[in-house]
C-alpha atoms as a PDB file:
ATOM      1  CA  MET A   1      88.005  98.086  90.230  1.00  0.00           C
ATOM      2  CA  GLU A   2      90.123 100.207  92.538  1.00  0.00           C
ATOM      3  CA  THR A   3      89.952  99.949  96.293  1.00  0.00           C
ATOM      4  CA  PRO A   4      89.061 103.266  97.919  1.00  0.00           C
ATOM      5  CA  ILE A   5      91.857 104.711 100.056  1.00  0.00           C
ATOM      6  CA  ARG A   6      90.841 105.883 103.506  1.00  0.00           C
ATOM      7  CA  VAL A   7      93.276 108.530 104.705  1.00  0.00           C
ATOM      8  CA  ASN A   8      92.669 107.813 108.418  1.00  0.00           C
ATOM      9  CA  ASP A   9      93.463 104.102 108.099  1.00  0.00           C
ATOM     10  CA  PRO A  10      96.906 103.569 109.753  1.00  0.00           C
ATOM     11  CA  ARG A  11      97.525 100.497 107.588  1.00  0.00           C
ATOM     12  CA  GLN A  12      97.755 102.738 104.525  1.00  0.00           C
ATOM     13  CA  HIS A  13     101.229 104.276 104.292  1.00  0.00           C
ATOM     14  CA  ILE A  14     100.284 107.131 102.012  1.00  0.00           C
ATOM     15  CA  ASN A  15     102.749 109.868 102.985  1.00  0.00           C
ATOM     16  CA  GLU A  16     105.519 107.644 104.267  1.00  0.00           C
ATOM     17  CA  GLU A  17     108.963 108.321 102.859  1.00  0.00           C
ATOM     18  CA  PRO A  18     111.574 105.587 102.668  1.00  0.00           C
ATOM     19  CA  ARG A  19     114.161 106.318 105.355  1.00  0.00           C
ATOM     20  CA  ASN A  20     117.195 104.576 106.743  1.00  0.00           C
ATOM     21  CA  ASP A  21     116.742 105.062 110.483  1.00  0.00           C
ATOM     22  CA  PHE A  22     119.962 103.290 111.479  1.00  0.00           C
ATOM     23  CA  GLY A  23     121.935 105.324 108.942  1.00  0.00           C
ATOM     24  CA  ASP A  24     120.412 108.536 110.265  1.00  0.00           C
ATOM     25  CA  LEU A  25     121.273 107.497 113.821  1.00  0.00           C
ATOM     26  CA  MET A  26     124.879 106.667 112.955  1.00  0.00           C
ATOM     27  CA  LEU A  27     125.240 109.890 110.961  1.00  0.00           C
ATOM     28  CA  GLY A  28     124.045 111.845 113.995  1.00  0.00           C
ATOM     29  CA  PHE A  29     126.392 110.056 116.381  1.00  0.00           C
ATOM     30  CA  THR A  30     129.332 110.457 114.001  1.00  0.00           C
ATOM     31  CA  GLY A  31     128.616 114.130 113.428  1.00  0.00           C
ATOM     32  CA  MET A  32     128.275 114.857 117.142  1.00  0.00           C
ATOM     33  CA  PHE A  33     131.453 112.893 117.923  1.00  0.00           C
ATOM     34  CA  ALA A  34     133.363 114.816 115.248  1.00  0.00           C
ATOM     35  CA  LEU A  35     132.102 118.142 116.592  1.00  0.00           C
ATOM     36  CA  MET A  36     133.075 117.270 120.183  1.00  0.00           C
ATOM     37  CA  PHE A  37     136.453 115.948 118.952  1.00  0.00           C
ATOM     38  CA  VAL A  38     137.228 119.246 117.224  1.00  0.00           C
ATOM     39  CA  ILE A  39     136.064 121.316 120.208  1.00  0.00           C
ATOM     40  CA  PHE A  40     138.069 119.197 122.663  1.00  0.00           C
ATOM     41  CA  PHE A  41     141.349 119.379 120.773  1.00  0.00           C
ATOM     42  CA  GLY A  42     140.767 123.033 119.989  1.00  0.00           C
ATOM     43  CA  MET A  43     140.501 123.751 123.707  1.00  0.00           C
ATOM     44  CA  VAL A  44     143.605 121.636 124.442  1.00  0.00           C
ATOM     45  CA  ILE A  45     145.597 123.600 121.867  1.00  0.00           C
ATOM     46  CA  TRP A  46     144.216 126.862 123.270  1.00  0.00           C
ATOM     47  CA  LYS A  47     145.313 125.829 126.775  1.00  0.00           C
ATOM     48  CA  PHE A  48     148.872 125.099 125.631  1.00  0.00           C
ATOM     49  CA  ILE A  49     149.080 128.384 123.725  1.00  0.00           C
ATOM     50  CA  ALA A  50     147.685 130.403 126.640  1.00  0.00           C
ATOM     51  CA  SER A  51     150.050 128.911 129.229  1.00  0.00           C
END
């Protein structure tokens, strides 16, 4: 006999996908750091070329 699934019951994780929250956080921080790193050194190089 199967137990009926109530969609509004928060204890039932019906649509939940397995995610690695810490990995997502670190990926975001690393990506943002890399972007700012490239922009910073690009502007430093631009300043030396312009002057």
